[in-house]
């Protein structure tokens, strides 16, 4: 009975702290993914600075909705722009937060009705490099989806515990459906995006889509 109780507790706390806890072993850290913060900041500007002024304006950030949604966390000097250094400092903060992976549930509706049978895909921003991995989930009859990276991208401890989750980072979100025409602004030309971090969306995200 005691052993079973310990197993349950381990599963409950696995995503409330950056470690995995076992009954008969020392905690195993879930390390944040590796991102070259300096390189990521420079590459973000190189990719999205269309007017060549060395920073990203609100209009340029339309292409990086994960940053735009949390502009106040990037725009440290409050000039309405995001510089390479500000992006670098934000990414360095992710590492300080020590969030390796977290659960994420998404609720999707279309025109105020639950969107069932839809694929919800989180695509890491290219400038982050190979650290964060794509994550996805399928909505159920109520429009709920559990988002996770592929099983082979998870730490071995999580695979054994059959737990799922997404790595920290900035993502574009793409929503498609096998039989419904979803506007391109939600997939191939998506305007949806989010940042997965300890001080942003938490473990729950609501996406209210409108066709018009």
Protein backbone atom coordinates (compact mmCIF):
# COMPACT_ATOMS: atom_id res chain seq x y z
CA UNK A 1 0.00 0.00 0.00
CA UNK A 2 2.83 2.40 0.90
CA UNK A 3 4.62 1.65 -2.38
CA UNK A 4 1.44 2.31 -4.38
CA UNK A 5 0.88 5.60 -2.52
CA UNK A 6 4.40 6.73 -3.36
CA UNK A 7 3.91 5.93 -7.03
CA UNK A 8 0.76 8.06 -7.13
CA UNK A 9 2.45 11.00 -5.44
CA UNK A 10 5.32 10.85 -7.94
CA UNK A 11 2.92 11.20 -10.87
CA UNK A 12 1.04 14.07 -9.25
CA UNK A 13 4.09 16.24 -8.62
CA UNK A 14 6.01 15.43 -11.76
CA UNK A 15 4.94 18.60 -13.56
CA UNK A 16 4.69 20.92 -10.58
CA UNK A 17 8.47 20.95 -10.19
CA UNK A 18 11.42 20.54 -12.54
CA UNK A 19 12.29 17.10 -11.17
CA UNK A 20 11.02 13.57 -11.31
CA UNK A 21 10.80 11.93 -7.90
CA UNK A 22 11.03 8.20 -7.35
CA UNK A 23 10.43 6.20 -4.21
CA UNK A 24 13.76 4.39 -4.26
CA UNK A 25 15.99 6.78 -6.16
CA UNK A 26 17.27 10.33 -6.11
CA UNK A 27 15.31 12.97 -8.08
CA UNK A 28 16.13 13.18 -11.78
CA UNK A 29 16.15 16.73 -13.16
CA UNK A 30 14.13 17.54 -16.28
CA UNK A 31 16.55 19.97 -17.88
CA UNK A 32 15.37 22.86 -20.10
CA UNK A 33 16.17 22.36 -23.77
CA UNK A 34 19.40 23.91 -25.01
CA UNK A 35 18.98 27.20 -26.89
CA UNK A 36 21.80 29.52 -27.92
CA UNK A 37 20.22 32.72 -26.62
CA UNK A 38 22.61 35.12 -28.38
CA UNK A 39 22.27 33.35 -31.70
CA UNK A 40 18.49 33.13 -31.37
CA UNK A 41 18.20 36.87 -30.75
CA UNK A 42 20.35 37.71 -33.75
CA UNK A 43 18.54 35.25 -36.02
CA UNK A 44 15.11 36.55 -34.99
CA UNK A 45 16.11 40.04 -36.13
CA UNK A 46 17.70 38.71 -39.31
CA UNK A 47 14.53 36.80 -40.21
CA UNK A 48 11.85 39.33 -39.30
CA UNK A 49 13.35 42.85 -39.36
CA UNK A 50 11.88 43.94 -42.70
CA UNK A 51 12.72 47.65 -42.44
CA UNK A 52 16.32 47.06 -41.36
CA UNK A 53 16.23 49.22 -38.23
CA UNK A 54 17.69 46.49 -36.03
CA UNK A 55 14.55 45.78 -34.01
CA UNK A 56 11.10 44.25 -34.43
CA UNK A 57 8.09 46.56 -34.47
CA UNK A 58 4.56 45.48 -33.59
CA UNK A 59 3.78 45.03 -37.29
CA UNK A 60 6.89 42.89 -37.82
CA UNK A 61 6.00 40.86 -34.75
CA UNK A 62 2.80 39.73 -36.47
CA UNK A 63 5.08 37.02 -37.89
CA UNK A 64 6.13 36.02 -34.36
CA UNK A 65 2.81 35.93 -32.46
CA UNK A 66 4.30 34.13 -29.48
CA UNK A 67 6.42 37.21 -28.74
CA UNK A 68 3.68 39.69 -29.67
CA UNK A 69 1.27 38.08 -27.19
CA UNK A 70 3.73 38.75 -24.37
CA UNK A 71 5.35 41.95 -25.63
CA UNK A 72 5.63 43.39 -22.13
CA UNK A 73 7.97 40.56 -21.14
CA UNK A 74 10.34 41.34 -24.02
CA UNK A 75 10.16 45.12 -24.41
CA UNK A 76 12.24 45.92 -21.36
CA UNK A 77 12.94 49.54 -22.34
CA UNK A 78 9.27 50.10 -23.24
CA UNK A 79 9.99 51.63 -26.65
CA UNK A 80 7.39 49.49 -28.42
CA UNK A 81 10.11 47.50 -30.18
CA UNK A 82 11.91 44.24 -29.48
CA UNK A 83 15.67 44.10 -29.98
CA UNK A 84 18.03 41.19 -30.39
CA UNK A 85 19.33 41.74 -26.85
CA UNK A 86 15.81 41.75 -25.40
CA UNK A 87 15.04 38.43 -27.08
CA UNK A 88 18.32 37.03 -25.79
CA UNK A 89 17.56 38.13 -22.23
CA UNK A 90 14.08 36.61 -22.38
CA UNK A 91 15.47 33.25 -23.52
CA UNK A 92 18.08 33.36 -20.75
CA UNK A 93 15.23 33.86 -18.29
CA UNK A 94 13.60 30.64 -19.52
CA UNK A 95 16.73 28.82 -18.43
CA UNK A 96 16.62 30.55 -15.05
CA UNK A 97 13.02 29.36 -14.67
CA UNK A 98 14.33 25.77 -15.01
CA UNK A 99 11.21 24.56 -16.78
CA UNK A 100 12.12 21.50 -18.78
CA UNK A 101 8.67 20.31 -19.82
CA UNK A 102 5.07 20.87 -18.79
CA UNK A 103 1.59 19.56 -19.44
CA UNK A 104 -0.58 21.70 -21.71
CA UNK A 105 -4.29 21.35 -22.43
CA UNK A 106 -5.87 23.40 -25.21
CA UNK A 107 -9.57 24.18 -25.68
CA UNK A 108 -10.50 25.05 -29.27
CA UNK A 109 -13.77 26.49 -30.53
CA UNK A 110 -14.85 27.69 -33.98
CA UNK A 111 -17.56 30.35 -34.15
CA UNK A 112 -18.32 29.72 -30.46
CA UNK A 113 -18.79 25.96 -30.91
CA UNK A 114 -16.34 23.25 -29.75
CA UNK A 115 -14.10 22.17 -32.63
CA UNK A 116 -13.76 18.39 -32.46
CA UNK A 117 -11.43 16.19 -34.50
CA UNK A 118 -8.98 19.01 -35.18
CA UNK A 119 -5.20 18.71 -35.16
CA UNK A 120 -3.53 21.34 -32.97
CA UNK A 121 0.18 21.71 -33.67
CA UNK A 122 2.74 23.83 -31.82
CA UNK A 123 5.68 24.64 -34.10
CA UNK A 124 8.81 26.13 -32.47
CA UNK A 125 10.07 29.39 -33.94
CA UNK A 126 12.94 28.65 -36.31
CA UNK A 127 15.31 31.10 -34.62
CA UNK A 128 15.28 28.94 -31.46
CA UNK A 129 17.30 26.23 -33.21
CA UNK A 130 16.85 22.51 -32.65
CA UNK A 131 16.10 22.65 -28.90
CA UNK A 132 12.30 22.91 -28.61
CA UNK A 133 10.43 20.19 -30.51
CA UNK A 134 7.06 20.32 -32.30
CA UNK A 135 4.14 19.23 -30.15
CA UNK A 136 0.59 18.35 -31.11
CA UNK A 137 -2.73 16.93 -30.02
CA UNK A 138 -6.18 16.04 -31.37
CA UNK A 139 -9.32 17.70 -30.04
CA UNK A 140 -12.05 15.52 -28.57
CA UNK A 141 -15.82 15.99 -28.85
CA UNK A 142 -15.66 18.95 -26.47
CA UNK A 143 -12.79 20.65 -28.30
CA UNK A 144 -10.13 19.69 -25.74
CA UNK A 145 -6.66 18.50 -26.76
CA UNK A 146 -3.66 17.38 -24.71
CA UNK A 147 -0.53 18.76 -26.33
CA UNK A 148 2.69 16.74 -26.32
CA UNK A 149 5.89 16.21 -28.21
CA UNK A 150 6.38 12.81 -29.84
CA UNK A 151 7.06 10.05 -27.32
CA UNK A 152 10.62 9.53 -28.58
CA UNK A 153 11.36 13.21 -27.82
CA UNK A 154 10.51 12.78 -24.13
CA UNK A 155 13.02 11.93 -21.38
CA UNK A 156 13.11 8.21 -20.66
CA UNK A 157 11.63 8.71 -17.18
CA UNK A 158 8.54 10.35 -18.66
CA UNK A 159 8.11 7.63 -21.26
CA UNK A 160 8.08 4.99 -18.53
CA UNK A 161 5.57 7.02 -16.51
CA UNK A 162 3.43 7.48 -19.64
CA UNK A 163 3.39 11.23 -19.07
CA UNK A 164 3.19 13.78 -21.88
CA UNK A 165 4.10 17.44 -22.27
CA UNK A 166 5.64 20.28 -24.23
CA UNK A 167 9.03 21.97 -23.91
CA UNK A 168 9.39 25.62 -23.02
CA UNK A 169 9.77 28.05 -25.92
CA UNK A 170 7.98 30.30 -28.39
CA UNK A 171 5.66 28.61 -30.85
CA UNK A 172 3.41 29.19 -33.82
CA UNK A 173 0.11 27.30 -33.55
CA UNK A 174 -1.44 25.56 -36.56
CA UNK A 175 -4.95 24.12 -36.53
CA UNK A 176 -6.21 21.83 -39.30
CA UNK A 177 -9.17 19.51 -39.76
CA UNK A 178 -9.61 16.47 -42.04
CA UNK A 179 -13.07 17.47 -43.27
CA UNK A 180 -13.57 21.13 -42.35
CA UNK A 181 -12.10 24.11 -44.18
CA UNK A 182 -10.11 25.99 -41.53
CA UNK A 183 -9.00 29.49 -42.65
CA UNK A 184 -5.31 29.78 -43.54
CA UNK A 185 -4.83 32.39 -40.81
CA UNK A 186 -5.00 29.45 -38.40
CA UNK A 187 -2.58 27.12 -40.22
CA UNK A 188 -0.51 27.76 -43.37
CA UNK A 189 -0.44 31.52 -42.72
CA UNK A 190 -1.13 31.28 -39.01
CA UNK A 191 -1.55 34.31 -36.81
CA UNK A 192 -1.74 32.11 -33.72
CA UNK A 193 1.18 31.70 -31.39
CA UNK A 194 2.16 31.37 -27.76
CA UNK A 195 5.09 31.24 -25.39
CA UNK A 196 5.33 28.27 -23.05
CA UNK A 197 7.06 29.46 -19.88
CA UNK A 198 6.42 29.57 -16.15
CA UNK A 199 5.18 33.18 -16.28
CA UNK A 200 2.98 33.01 -19.40
CA UNK A 201 0.09 30.64 -20.24
CA UNK A 202 0.40 28.02 -17.52
CA UNK A 203 -0.98 24.59 -18.38
CA UNK A 204 -4.25 25.67 -20.04
CA UNK A 205 -4.89 27.63 -23.26
CA UNK A 206 -8.22 28.64 -24.84
CA UNK A 207 -8.31 29.32 -28.59
CA UNK A 208 -11.51 30.95 -29.83
CA UNK A 209 -11.46 30.91 -33.63
CA UNK A 210 -13.74 32.86 -35.94
CA UNK A 211 -14.02 32.13 -39.67
CA UNK A 212 -14.71 35.78 -40.53
